[in-house]
N, C-alpha and C. Protein backbone atom coordinates (compact mmCIF):
# COMPACT_ATOMS: atom_id res chain seq x y z
N MET A 1 29.07 7.34 -38.80
CA MET A 1 28.69 5.94 -38.80
C MET A 1 29.12 5.31 -37.48
N ALA A 2 28.26 4.49 -36.91
CA ALA A 2 28.54 3.90 -35.61
C ALA A 2 29.57 2.77 -35.76
N SER A 3 30.54 2.75 -34.84
CA SER A 3 31.51 1.66 -34.82
C SER A 3 30.95 0.54 -33.97
N LYS A 4 31.73 -0.55 -33.83
CA LYS A 4 31.29 -1.65 -32.98
C LYS A 4 31.16 -1.23 -31.53
N GLN A 5 31.87 -0.15 -31.16
CA GLN A 5 31.80 0.34 -29.79
C GLN A 5 30.80 1.49 -29.65
N GLN A 6 30.08 1.80 -30.73
CA GLN A 6 29.04 2.82 -30.68
C GLN A 6 27.80 2.30 -31.37
N VAL A 7 26.68 2.73 -30.85
CA VAL A 7 25.39 2.44 -31.47
C VAL A 7 24.59 3.73 -31.48
N ARG A 8 23.57 3.75 -32.26
CA ARG A 8 22.62 4.85 -32.24
C ARG A 8 21.28 4.24 -31.86
N ALA A 9 20.59 4.91 -30.95
CA ALA A 9 19.34 4.34 -30.46
C ALA A 9 18.35 5.44 -30.10
N SER A 10 17.10 5.05 -30.09
CA SER A 10 16.00 5.87 -29.59
C SER A 10 15.32 5.08 -28.49
N HIS A 11 14.61 5.77 -27.63
CA HIS A 11 13.91 5.03 -26.57
C HIS A 11 12.64 5.74 -26.15
N ILE A 12 11.81 4.98 -25.49
CA ILE A 12 10.62 5.50 -24.81
C ILE A 12 10.82 5.17 -23.34
N LEU A 13 10.70 6.17 -22.49
CA LEU A 13 10.88 6.01 -21.04
C LEU A 13 9.58 6.31 -20.33
N ILE A 14 9.16 5.40 -19.48
CA ILE A 14 8.04 5.63 -18.57
C ILE A 14 8.61 5.59 -17.16
N LYS A 15 8.56 6.74 -16.50
CA LYS A 15 9.03 6.80 -15.11
C LYS A 15 7.92 6.35 -14.18
N HIS A 16 8.29 5.99 -12.96
CA HIS A 16 7.32 5.57 -11.95
C HIS A 16 7.79 6.03 -10.59
N GLU A 17 7.03 5.72 -9.57
CA GLU A 17 7.32 6.22 -8.22
C GLU A 17 8.72 5.83 -7.73
N GLY A 18 9.29 4.77 -8.26
CA GLY A 18 10.62 4.33 -7.87
C GLY A 18 11.75 5.02 -8.62
N SER A 19 11.42 5.87 -9.57
CA SER A 19 12.44 6.58 -10.33
C SER A 19 13.11 7.63 -9.44
N GLN A 20 14.41 7.77 -9.61
CA GLN A 20 15.15 8.73 -8.79
C GLN A 20 14.76 10.17 -9.09
N ARG A 21 14.69 10.52 -10.35
CA ARG A 21 14.30 11.87 -10.76
C ARG A 21 12.91 11.78 -11.36
N LYS A 22 11.92 12.19 -10.59
CA LYS A 22 10.54 12.00 -11.03
C LYS A 22 10.05 13.06 -12.02
N ALA A 23 10.63 14.24 -12.03
CA ALA A 23 10.17 15.28 -12.95
C ALA A 23 10.50 14.90 -14.38
N SER A 24 9.63 15.28 -15.29
CA SER A 24 9.89 15.07 -16.71
C SER A 24 9.31 16.24 -17.48
N TRP A 25 9.67 16.31 -18.75
CA TRP A 25 9.20 17.43 -19.57
C TRP A 25 7.67 17.46 -19.66
N ASN A 26 7.01 16.29 -19.63
CA ASN A 26 5.56 16.27 -19.75
C ASN A 26 4.86 16.03 -18.42
N ASP A 27 5.60 15.99 -17.34
CA ASP A 27 5.04 15.88 -15.98
C ASP A 27 5.97 16.63 -15.02
N PRO A 28 6.13 17.94 -15.21
CA PRO A 28 7.11 18.69 -14.41
C PRO A 28 6.81 18.70 -12.92
N ASP A 29 5.55 18.57 -12.53
CA ASP A 29 5.19 18.56 -11.11
C ASP A 29 5.20 17.16 -10.51
N CYS A 30 5.52 16.17 -11.31
CA CYS A 30 5.66 14.77 -10.88
C CYS A 30 4.36 14.15 -10.38
N ARG A 31 3.24 14.70 -10.72
CA ARG A 31 1.97 14.16 -10.21
C ARG A 31 1.66 12.78 -10.78
N ILE A 32 1.81 12.64 -12.10
CA ILE A 32 1.50 11.36 -12.74
C ILE A 32 2.56 10.33 -12.36
N ILE A 33 3.82 10.72 -12.45
CA ILE A 33 4.91 9.79 -12.18
C ILE A 33 4.88 9.31 -10.73
N SER A 34 4.65 10.21 -9.80
CA SER A 34 4.62 9.84 -8.38
C SER A 34 3.47 8.90 -8.05
N ALA A 35 2.42 8.95 -8.86
CA ALA A 35 1.25 8.09 -8.62
C ALA A 35 1.29 6.80 -9.43
N THR A 36 2.35 6.59 -10.20
CA THR A 36 2.47 5.41 -11.06
C THR A 36 3.46 4.42 -10.45
N THR A 37 3.02 3.20 -10.28
CA THR A 37 3.92 2.15 -9.79
C THR A 37 4.58 1.47 -11.00
N ARG A 38 5.63 0.73 -10.74
CA ARG A 38 6.27 -0.04 -11.80
C ARG A 38 5.28 -1.04 -12.37
N ASP A 39 4.42 -1.60 -11.50
CA ASP A 39 3.43 -2.59 -11.94
C ASP A 39 2.40 -1.99 -12.90
N VAL A 40 2.24 -0.70 -12.89
CA VAL A 40 1.36 -0.01 -13.83
C VAL A 40 2.15 0.42 -15.07
N ALA A 41 3.38 0.88 -14.86
CA ALA A 41 4.20 1.39 -15.97
C ALA A 41 4.54 0.30 -16.99
N VAL A 42 4.86 -0.90 -16.51
CA VAL A 42 5.28 -1.97 -17.43
C VAL A 42 4.16 -2.36 -18.40
N PRO A 43 2.94 -2.65 -17.93
CA PRO A 43 1.89 -2.98 -18.91
C PRO A 43 1.56 -1.82 -19.86
N GLU A 44 1.66 -0.59 -19.36
CA GLU A 44 1.44 0.57 -20.23
C GLU A 44 2.47 0.59 -21.35
N LEU A 45 3.73 0.38 -20.99
CA LEU A 45 4.79 0.37 -21.99
C LEU A 45 4.65 -0.83 -22.94
N CYS A 46 4.25 -1.98 -22.42
CA CYS A 46 4.03 -3.16 -23.28
C CYS A 46 2.92 -2.88 -24.29
N SER A 47 1.88 -2.20 -23.86
CA SER A 47 0.78 -1.85 -24.77
C SER A 47 1.26 -0.90 -25.86
N LEU A 48 2.07 0.08 -25.48
CA LEU A 48 2.63 1.00 -26.47
C LEU A 48 3.51 0.25 -27.47
N ARG A 49 4.32 -0.68 -26.96
CA ARG A 49 5.20 -1.48 -27.82
C ARG A 49 4.36 -2.31 -28.80
N ASP A 50 3.29 -2.92 -28.29
CA ASP A 50 2.40 -3.72 -29.15
C ASP A 50 1.79 -2.87 -30.27
N ASN A 51 1.40 -1.64 -29.93
CA ASN A 51 0.83 -0.75 -30.94
C ASN A 51 1.86 -0.40 -32.02
N ILE A 52 3.10 -0.28 -31.63
CA ILE A 52 4.17 0.02 -32.60
C ILE A 52 4.43 -1.21 -33.48
N THR A 53 4.63 -2.37 -32.85
CA THR A 53 4.98 -3.57 -33.62
C THR A 53 3.84 -4.03 -34.53
N SER A 54 2.60 -3.72 -34.16
CA SER A 54 1.46 -4.09 -35.01
C SER A 54 1.23 -3.10 -36.15
N GLY A 55 1.93 -1.97 -36.09
CA GLY A 55 1.77 -0.97 -37.14
C GLY A 55 0.65 0.03 -36.89
N ARG A 56 -0.01 -0.05 -35.73
CA ARG A 56 -1.09 0.89 -35.43
C ARG A 56 -0.58 2.31 -35.20
N THR A 57 0.68 2.42 -34.82
CA THR A 57 1.29 3.74 -34.61
C THR A 57 2.79 3.62 -34.88
N HIS A 58 3.46 4.74 -34.89
CA HIS A 58 4.90 4.78 -35.14
C HIS A 58 5.66 5.10 -33.86
N PHE A 59 6.86 4.59 -33.77
CA PHE A 59 7.71 4.77 -32.60
C PHE A 59 7.81 6.25 -32.22
N GLU A 60 8.09 7.10 -33.19
CA GLU A 60 8.29 8.52 -32.92
C GLU A 60 7.02 9.18 -32.38
N GLU A 61 5.86 8.77 -32.89
CA GLU A 61 4.58 9.32 -32.41
C GLU A 61 4.36 8.95 -30.95
N VAL A 62 4.59 7.69 -30.63
CA VAL A 62 4.41 7.22 -29.25
C VAL A 62 5.38 7.95 -28.33
N THR A 63 6.61 8.07 -28.77
CA THR A 63 7.63 8.74 -27.96
C THR A 63 7.23 10.16 -27.65
N SER A 64 6.81 10.90 -28.66
CA SER A 64 6.50 12.32 -28.45
C SER A 64 5.29 12.52 -27.54
N ARG A 65 4.42 11.54 -27.46
CA ARG A 65 3.24 11.67 -26.59
C ARG A 65 3.44 11.12 -25.19
N TYR A 66 4.18 10.01 -25.06
CA TYR A 66 4.19 9.29 -23.80
C TYR A 66 5.51 9.23 -23.05
N SER A 67 6.62 9.43 -23.74
CA SER A 67 7.91 9.27 -23.08
C SER A 67 8.16 10.39 -22.07
N HIS A 68 8.73 10.02 -20.94
CA HIS A 68 9.05 10.99 -19.91
C HIS A 68 10.46 11.57 -20.07
N CYS A 69 11.11 11.26 -21.15
CA CYS A 69 12.47 11.76 -21.41
C CYS A 69 12.38 13.00 -22.28
N SER A 70 13.25 13.97 -22.03
CA SER A 70 13.25 15.19 -22.84
C SER A 70 13.58 14.91 -24.31
N TYR A 71 14.21 13.77 -24.60
CA TYR A 71 14.50 13.40 -25.99
C TYR A 71 13.24 13.01 -26.74
N ALA A 72 12.12 12.95 -26.06
CA ALA A 72 10.85 12.66 -26.72
C ALA A 72 10.57 13.67 -27.82
N LYS A 73 11.02 14.89 -27.64
CA LYS A 73 10.80 15.94 -28.63
C LYS A 73 11.58 15.66 -29.91
N ARG A 74 12.57 14.76 -29.83
CA ARG A 74 13.36 14.34 -31.01
C ARG A 74 13.00 12.92 -31.43
N GLY A 75 11.81 12.48 -31.09
CA GLY A 75 11.40 11.13 -31.43
C GLY A 75 12.11 10.07 -30.62
N GLY A 76 12.69 10.48 -29.49
CA GLY A 76 13.41 9.55 -28.63
C GLY A 76 14.85 9.32 -29.03
N ASP A 77 15.30 9.98 -30.10
CA ASP A 77 16.67 9.78 -30.62
C ASP A 77 17.71 10.24 -29.61
N LEU A 78 18.52 9.31 -29.15
CA LEU A 78 19.58 9.60 -28.18
C LEU A 78 20.91 9.89 -28.85
N GLY A 79 20.98 9.73 -30.15
CA GLY A 79 22.23 9.94 -30.87
C GLY A 79 23.15 8.74 -30.73
N ASP A 80 24.43 8.96 -31.03
CA ASP A 80 25.42 7.89 -30.93
C ASP A 80 25.81 7.69 -29.48
N LEU A 81 25.87 6.44 -29.08
CA LEU A 81 26.17 6.08 -27.69
C LEU A 81 27.32 5.08 -27.67
N GLY A 82 28.25 5.30 -26.79
CA GLY A 82 29.35 4.37 -26.61
C GLY A 82 29.22 3.62 -25.30
N ARG A 83 30.01 2.59 -25.16
CA ARG A 83 30.01 1.84 -23.90
C ARG A 83 30.46 2.74 -22.76
N GLY A 84 29.83 2.56 -21.61
CA GLY A 84 30.15 3.35 -20.44
C GLY A 84 29.37 4.65 -20.34
N GLN A 85 28.54 4.96 -21.31
CA GLN A 85 27.76 6.20 -21.29
C GLN A 85 26.36 6.00 -20.74
N MET A 86 25.93 4.77 -20.63
CA MET A 86 24.56 4.47 -20.25
C MET A 86 24.56 3.62 -18.98
N GLN A 87 23.39 3.55 -18.34
CA GLN A 87 23.27 2.61 -17.24
C GLN A 87 23.42 1.21 -17.82
N LYS A 88 24.03 0.32 -17.05
CA LYS A 88 24.42 -1.01 -17.54
C LYS A 88 23.27 -1.79 -18.19
N PRO A 89 22.08 -1.87 -17.59
CA PRO A 89 21.00 -2.62 -18.26
C PRO A 89 20.62 -2.02 -19.62
N PHE A 90 20.64 -0.69 -19.71
CA PHE A 90 20.32 -0.02 -20.96
C PHE A 90 21.40 -0.31 -22.00
N GLU A 91 22.66 -0.20 -21.58
CA GLU A 91 23.78 -0.48 -22.47
C GLU A 91 23.74 -1.92 -22.98
N ASP A 92 23.57 -2.87 -22.08
CA ASP A 92 23.53 -4.28 -22.48
C ASP A 92 22.42 -4.54 -23.49
N ALA A 93 21.25 -3.98 -23.22
CA ALA A 93 20.12 -4.19 -24.13
C ALA A 93 20.38 -3.54 -25.49
N THR A 94 20.88 -2.31 -25.47
CA THR A 94 21.12 -1.57 -26.71
C THR A 94 22.14 -2.27 -27.59
N PHE A 95 23.25 -2.68 -27.00
CA PHE A 95 24.30 -3.33 -27.79
C PHE A 95 23.91 -4.73 -28.25
N SER A 96 22.93 -5.35 -27.61
CA SER A 96 22.52 -6.69 -28.02
C SER A 96 21.51 -6.66 -29.17
N LEU A 97 20.92 -5.50 -29.42
CA LEU A 97 19.93 -5.39 -30.50
C LEU A 97 20.60 -5.28 -31.86
N LYS A 98 19.92 -5.77 -32.87
CA LYS A 98 20.33 -5.56 -34.25
C LYS A 98 19.72 -4.24 -34.71
N VAL A 99 20.30 -3.64 -35.72
CA VAL A 99 19.77 -2.39 -36.27
C VAL A 99 18.32 -2.63 -36.70
N GLY A 100 17.42 -1.75 -36.26
CA GLY A 100 15.99 -1.86 -36.58
C GLY A 100 15.20 -2.68 -35.58
N GLU A 101 15.88 -3.31 -34.66
CA GLU A 101 15.22 -4.17 -33.67
C GLU A 101 14.84 -3.35 -32.43
N MET A 102 13.70 -3.72 -31.83
CA MET A 102 13.21 -3.06 -30.63
C MET A 102 13.31 -4.02 -29.44
N SER A 103 13.70 -3.49 -28.32
CA SER A 103 13.88 -4.31 -27.11
C SER A 103 12.54 -4.63 -26.46
N ASP A 104 12.61 -5.59 -25.56
CA ASP A 104 11.53 -5.78 -24.60
C ASP A 104 11.72 -4.72 -23.52
N ILE A 105 11.05 -4.84 -22.43
CA ILE A 105 11.15 -3.88 -21.33
C ILE A 105 12.55 -3.93 -20.72
N VAL A 106 13.14 -2.76 -20.52
CA VAL A 106 14.45 -2.62 -19.89
C VAL A 106 14.27 -1.73 -18.67
N ASP A 107 14.71 -2.23 -17.50
CA ASP A 107 14.60 -1.49 -16.25
C ASP A 107 15.87 -0.71 -15.95
N THR A 108 15.72 0.58 -15.70
CA THR A 108 16.79 1.40 -15.13
C THR A 108 16.10 2.33 -14.14
N ASP A 109 16.23 3.60 -14.35
CA ASP A 109 15.52 4.59 -13.54
C ASP A 109 14.17 4.87 -14.21
N GLY A 110 13.35 3.86 -14.27
CA GLY A 110 12.12 3.84 -15.04
C GLY A 110 12.16 2.61 -15.92
N VAL A 111 11.20 2.50 -16.81
CA VAL A 111 11.18 1.37 -17.74
C VAL A 111 11.23 1.92 -19.17
N HIS A 112 11.95 1.22 -20.02
CA HIS A 112 12.20 1.68 -21.39
C HIS A 112 11.85 0.59 -22.39
N ILE A 113 11.59 1.03 -23.63
CA ILE A 113 11.81 0.19 -24.80
C ILE A 113 12.80 0.95 -25.66
N ILE A 114 13.69 0.22 -26.26
CA ILE A 114 14.80 0.80 -27.01
C ILE A 114 14.71 0.33 -28.45
N LEU A 115 14.91 1.25 -29.36
CA LEU A 115 14.97 0.94 -30.79
C LEU A 115 16.38 1.27 -31.25
N ARG A 116 17.10 0.24 -31.70
CA ARG A 116 18.45 0.50 -32.22
C ARG A 116 18.31 0.97 -33.65
N THR A 117 18.91 2.13 -33.95
CA THR A 117 18.76 2.72 -35.27
C THR A 117 20.01 2.63 -36.12
N SER A 118 21.17 2.39 -35.52
CA SER A 118 22.39 2.10 -36.30
C SER A 118 23.44 1.50 -35.39
């Protein structure tokens, strides 16, 4: 069970040309990521978020198809996370969410939406 200093979260990550590590499990040659700007990645992620919140699709389905993170194979589940383990914007967003709540766009090394699961 997560303490006040731990949360459990899942996320969807869309990398773009400004990401430090461009390779991903579904774009190992970095062709798509290198050709994607942040200005393209954000609306794409917003559209995916809208599809989830409207019930047209499920978070895990979107994650497994579109997320550039290797955790996509686990539905985006990052497991239990404590303070100091994440990049600051990700940590701040994750800890500010209520259980079951999904974030707006969060910028780190790419753009994310985060779902707090506990």
